Amino acid sequence: MKYPYVIIDNDQKIADSIQISLEEQPDYICTGIAKDEQDALDLILERRPRLVFLEPEVPGIDTVTTKYSLLTELSKYMSRLPEFIVITKTSDYAIEGIRNRIMDYILKPFSKGQISRTLMRFEKDFGQSGDNTLCFRSYGDYRFVDVDEILYLKADNNTTDFIMSNGTKVEAFKTLKHFQNLLPDHFVRIHNSYIINTDYVSRIHFGKAKCAIKNTDDLIPFSKSYKNNVEEIKDSLAKKSLIYI
């Protein structure tokens, strides 16, 4: 399972240290760094991370420092917030952090072991309870999409089209590669231009090098360079089948 995270800290050395501490954790992917509350708000709504490493003393929107006002702002748009890990040099914000239900509170300077123990607790307590939506932001317009309703993704130059189960298309101004490691494991890349939701695969035709999508006439091509991925999809779906003839 992939766990995207973001870092909110205006000290680049600290942000780098957090990333270094997670280098040996392949399931954790840094999807952005923000240096103030406004950028943090936009980043979290767009990337929908599972974890946020927060320095409460970054500049706030309406205050000198954000403290926990970022959580209040996020609550206006999100029904479930990511888990927050505070990393700061003082214990002054600890009591307020408890009131805001932060997951952990770590003092600077921190050790790699502290980060590892926090991640272990996160996986134990929250690892399977992730939010299942994506947020697409465009000039103050926020659109929320249920991941389970995505049939497949199609690259279109430097943008990506999300083809939905209701027949609509949602355009995201990011490359296909950007989404490859952010989506759940059942989203698999089968072509330079396509990522498919394997839950919607109804047929795999190796002769024609195409995958059929349930309840549609869409046939998604797969390329030789991604054939191993398609073989894994086939094996996984076969194991789930009631009868394999």
Protein backbone atom coordinates (compact mmCIF):
# COMPACT_ATOMS: atom_id res chain seq x y z
CA MET A 1 0.00 0.00 0.00
CA LYS A 2 1.25 3.49 -0.89
CA TYR A 3 1.26 6.27 1.71
CA PRO A 4 1.70 9.72 0.15
CA TYR A 5 2.86 12.41 2.54
CA VAL A 6 3.61 16.13 2.48
CA ILE A 7 5.93 18.27 4.56
CA ILE A 8 4.98 21.70 5.91
CA ASP A 9 8.18 23.43 7.02
CA ASN A 10 9.98 26.60 5.92
CA ASP A 11 13.37 25.14 6.86
CA GLN A 12 14.60 23.23 3.82
CA LYS A 13 17.21 21.34 5.86
CA ILE A 14 14.48 19.93 8.12
CA ALA A 15 12.35 19.00 5.11
CA ASP A 16 15.34 17.22 3.58
CA SER A 17 16.01 15.40 6.87
CA ILE A 18 12.44 14.10 7.00
CA GLN A 19 12.71 12.81 3.44
CA ILE A 20 16.06 11.15 4.20
CA SER A 21 14.50 9.46 7.25
CA LEU A 22 11.87 7.91 4.97
CA GLU A 23 14.23 6.85 2.17
CA GLU A 24 14.22 3.22 3.30
CA GLN A 25 10.41 3.19 3.44
CA PRO A 26 9.41 2.48 -0.20
CA ASP A 27 5.68 2.72 0.53
CA TYR A 28 6.01 6.36 1.64
CA ILE A 29 6.08 8.91 -1.17
CA CYS A 30 6.68 12.62 -0.70
CA THR A 31 4.22 14.48 -2.91
CA GLY A 32 5.15 18.03 -1.98
CA ILE A 33 6.65 20.55 0.42
CA ALA A 34 4.99 23.79 1.52
CA LYS A 35 6.55 26.66 3.46
CA ASP A 36 3.45 28.49 4.68
CA GLU A 37 -0.19 27.82 5.53
CA GLN A 38 -1.68 28.98 2.22
CA ASP A 39 0.60 26.76 0.14
CA ALA A 40 0.00 23.92 2.60
CA LEU A 41 -3.77 24.25 2.23
CA ASP A 42 -3.58 24.15 -1.56
CA LEU A 43 -1.07 21.29 -1.53
CA ILE A 44 -3.06 19.05 0.81
CA LEU A 45 -6.35 19.61 -1.01
CA GLU A 46 -4.72 18.83 -4.34
CA ARG A 47 -2.54 15.85 -3.35
CA ARG A 48 -4.75 14.29 -0.62
CA PRO A 49 -1.84 12.83 1.42
CA ARG A 50 -2.27 10.22 4.12
CA LEU A 51 0.31 11.93 6.35
CA VAL A 52 1.35 15.52 7.00
CA PHE A 53 4.56 16.48 8.78
CA LEU A 54 3.77 19.90 10.26
CA GLU A 55 5.91 22.65 11.73
CA PRO A 56 3.32 24.83 13.57
CA GLU A 57 5.54 27.90 13.29
CA VAL A 58 5.32 28.31 9.51
CA PRO A 59 3.63 31.60 8.46
CA GLY A 60 -0.15 31.50 8.73
CA ILE A 61 -2.81 32.92 6.43
CA ASP A 62 -4.30 35.32 9.00
CA THR A 63 -1.77 34.88 11.80
CA VAL A 64 1.98 35.16 12.27
CA THR A 65 2.24 31.36 12.58
CA THR A 66 -0.23 28.68 11.51
CA LYS A 67 -0.16 26.64 14.74
CA TYR A 68 -3.24 24.48 14.07
CA SER A 69 -5.39 26.87 12.05
CA LEU A 70 -4.44 24.82 8.98
CA LEU A 71 -6.51 21.93 10.34
CA THR A 72 -9.49 24.24 10.82
CA GLU A 73 -9.22 25.43 7.22
CA LEU A 74 -8.92 21.89 5.88
CA SER A 75 -12.03 20.83 7.79
CA LYS A 76 -14.06 23.18 5.60
CA TYR A 77 -13.27 21.05 2.55
CA MET A 78 -12.44 17.54 3.80
CA SER A 79 -14.64 15.12 5.72
CA ARG A 80 -11.56 13.20 6.86
CA LEU A 81 -8.23 14.90 7.45
CA PRO A 82 -4.85 13.25 6.94
CA GLU A 83 -2.94 12.21 10.03
CA PHE A 84 -0.71 15.02 11.35
CA ILE A 85 2.74 14.55 12.84
CA VAL A 86 4.08 17.71 14.44
CA ILE A 87 7.84 18.23 14.25
CA THR A 88 8.98 21.37 16.05
CA LYS A 89 11.65 22.67 18.44
CA THR A 90 9.36 23.41 21.40
CA SER A 91 6.71 21.62 23.43
CA ASP A 92 4.58 24.79 23.55
CA TYR A 93 2.08 23.41 21.03
CA ALA A 94 1.70 19.93 22.55
CA ILE A 95 -1.49 20.51 24.60
CA GLU A 96 -3.23 22.22 21.70
CA GLY A 97 -2.01 19.39 19.49
CA ILE A 98 -3.76 16.84 21.70
CA ARG A 99 -6.97 18.86 21.41
CA ASN A 100 -6.59 18.77 17.63
CA ARG A 101 -6.00 15.00 17.70
CA ILE A 102 -2.61 15.03 16.06
CA MET A 103 -1.07 11.59 15.69
CA ASP A 104 2.37 12.33 17.14
CA TYR A 105 4.54 15.16 18.44
CA ILE A 106 8.28 15.04 17.80
CA LEU A 107 10.84 17.56 19.02
CA LYS A 108 13.72 18.82 16.90
CA PRO A 109 16.36 17.57 16.51
CA PHE A 110 14.75 14.22 15.78
CA SER A 111 16.22 10.82 15.02
CA LYS A 112 15.50 8.39 12.22
CA GLY A 113 14.33 5.91 14.86
CA GLN A 114 11.66 8.32 16.10
CA ILE A 115 10.28 8.69 12.58
CA SER A 116 10.33 4.91 12.05
CA ARG A 117 8.41 4.25 15.28
CA THR A 118 5.83 6.86 14.34
CA LEU A 119 5.33 5.25 10.93
CA MET A 120 4.93 1.82 12.53
CA ARG A 121 2.21 3.18 14.79
CA PHE A 122 0.54 4.91 11.85
CA GLU A 123 0.41 1.67 9.86
CA LYS A 124 -0.94 -0.23 12.86
CA ASP A 125 -3.67 2.27 13.74
CA PHE A 126 -4.51 4.02 10.47
CA GLY A 127 -2.86 2.12 7.62
CA GLN A 128 -6.07 0.66 6.17
CA SER A 129 -8.37 3.63 6.70
CA GLY A 130 -7.33 6.01 3.95
CA ASP A 131 -9.49 8.59 2.27
CA ASN A 132 -10.73 7.32 -1.08
CA THR A 133 -11.00 10.56 -3.02
CA LEU A 134 -8.84 12.68 -5.26
CA CYS A 135 -9.07 16.46 -5.37
CA PHE A 136 -8.53 18.37 -8.61
CA ARG A 137 -7.84 22.07 -8.10
CA SER A 138 -8.04 24.73 -10.78
CA TYR A 139 -7.98 28.43 -9.87
CA GLY A 140 -9.94 28.04 -6.64
CA ASP A 141 -12.28 25.39 -8.05
CA TYR A 142 -12.03 22.09 -6.14
CA ARG A 143 -13.45 18.92 -7.66
CA PHE A 144 -13.53 15.68 -5.63
CA VAL A 145 -13.47 12.28 -7.34
CA ASP A 146 -14.06 8.85 -5.81
CA VAL A 147 -11.09 6.62 -6.66
CA ASP A 148 -13.35 3.57 -6.96
CA GLU A 149 -15.23 5.24 -9.82
CA ILE A 150 -12.12 5.69 -12.00
CA LEU A 151 -12.00 3.23 -14.93
CA TYR A 152 -8.63 4.28 -16.29
CA LEU A 153 -6.25 7.18 -16.84
CA LYS A 154 -5.09 8.34 -20.25
CA ALA A 155 -2.10 10.58 -20.93
CA ASP A 156 -2.73 13.62 -23.11
CA ASN A 157 0.58 15.43 -23.59
CA ASN A 158 1.31 17.01 -20.18
CA THR A 159 -2.20 16.45 -18.82
CA THR A 160 -4.07 13.32 -17.74
CA ASP A 161 -7.68 12.36 -18.47
CA PHE A 162 -9.53 10.37 -15.81
CA ILE A 163 -12.24 8.25 -17.45
CA MET A 164 -15.04 7.68 -14.94
CA SER A 165 -17.57 4.87 -14.55
CA ASN A 166 -20.46 7.29 -15.19
CA GLY A 167 -19.08 8.11 -18.64
CA THR A 168 -17.59 11.49 -17.75
CA LYS A 169 -14.00 12.64 -18.16
CA VAL A 170 -12.02 14.66 -15.63
CA GLU A 171 -8.91 16.48 -16.80
CA ALA A 172 -5.94 16.90 -14.48
CA PHE A 173 -3.07 19.24 -15.25
CA LYS A 174 -0.42 16.72 -14.25
CA THR A 175 1.40 14.02 -16.18
CA LEU A 176 0.45 10.34 -16.01
CA LYS A 177 3.73 9.61 -14.23
CA HIS A 178 2.70 11.98 -11.43
CA PHE A 179 -0.26 9.75 -10.55
CA GLN A 180 1.47 6.40 -11.04
CA ASN A 181 2.74 6.09 -7.46
CA LEU A 182 -0.10 7.96 -5.78
CA LEU A 183 -2.98 5.67 -6.66
CA PRO A 184 -3.81 2.39 -4.85
CA ASP A 185 -2.04 -0.80 -5.91
CA HIS A 186 -4.91 -1.99 -8.12
CA PHE A 187 -4.17 0.86 -10.53
CA VAL A 188 -1.55 -0.54 -12.89
CA ARG A 189 0.32 1.04 -15.77
CA ILE A 190 0.06 -1.05 -18.95
CA HIS A 191 1.19 1.47 -21.57
CA ASN A 192 3.08 4.76 -21.78
CA SER A 193 -0.32 6.40 -22.14
CA TYR A 194 -2.55 4.30 -19.86
CA ILE A 195 -3.07 3.29 -16.24
CA ILE A 196 -6.07 1.02 -15.63
CA ASN A 197 -8.15 0.20 -12.58
CA THR A 198 -7.85 -3.59 -12.55
CA ASP A 199 -11.16 -3.90 -10.70
CA TYR A 200 -12.85 -2.98 -13.99
CA VAL A 201 -10.93 -5.34 -16.30
CA SER A 202 -13.33 -7.81 -17.95
CA ARG A 203 -11.03 -9.36 -20.54
CA ILE A 204 -7.35 -9.51 -21.48
CA HIS A 205 -6.60 -10.37 -25.10
CA PHE A 206 -2.87 -11.08 -25.42
CA GLY A 207 -3.14 -11.66 -29.18
CA LYS A 208 -4.51 -8.17 -29.78
CA ALA A 209 -2.62 -6.68 -26.80
CA LYS A 210 -5.75 -5.06 -25.39
CA CYS A 211 -7.70 -4.99 -22.11
CA ALA A 212 -11.48 -4.67 -22.12
CA ILE A 213 -13.17 -2.50 -19.49
CA LYS A 214 -16.40 -3.58 -17.80
CA ASN A 215 -19.67 -1.95 -18.91
CA THR A 216 -17.94 -0.07 -21.75
CA ASP A 217 -16.79 -0.71 -25.31
CA ASP A 218 -13.34 0.61 -24.43
CA LEU A 219 -10.35 -1.53 -25.38
CA ILE A 220 -7.16 -0.29 -23.74
CA PRO A 221 -3.90 -1.22 -25.49
CA PHE A 222 -0.92 -2.54 -23.58
CA SER A 223 2.67 -2.44 -24.80
CA LYS A 224 5.46 -5.02 -24.69
CA SER A 225 7.39 -3.01 -22.12
CA TYR A 226 4.46 -3.37 -19.68
CA LYS A 227 3.52 -6.95 -20.55
CA ASN A 228 4.78 -8.24 -17.19
CA ASN A 229 2.32 -5.91 -15.46
CA VAL A 230 -0.50 -7.34 -17.57
CA GLU A 231 0.59 -10.89 -16.72
CA GLU A 232 0.38 -9.98 -13.03
CA ILE A 233 -3.11 -8.55 -13.56
CA LYS A 234 -4.16 -11.78 -15.27
CA ASP A 235 -2.76 -13.95 -12.47
CA SER A 236 -4.36 -11.80 -9.77
CA LEU A 237 -7.80 -11.83 -11.41
CA ALA A 238 -7.56 -15.57 -12.08
CA LYS A 239 -6.87 -16.26 -8.39
CA LYS A 240 -9.98 -14.30 -7.44
CA SER A 241 -12.17 -16.21 -9.90
CA LEU A 242 -14.73 -18.68 -8.58
CA ILE A 243 -13.93 -21.10 -11.41
CA TYR A 244 -10.78 -21.10 -13.54
CA ILE A 245 -11.32 -23.22 -16.67
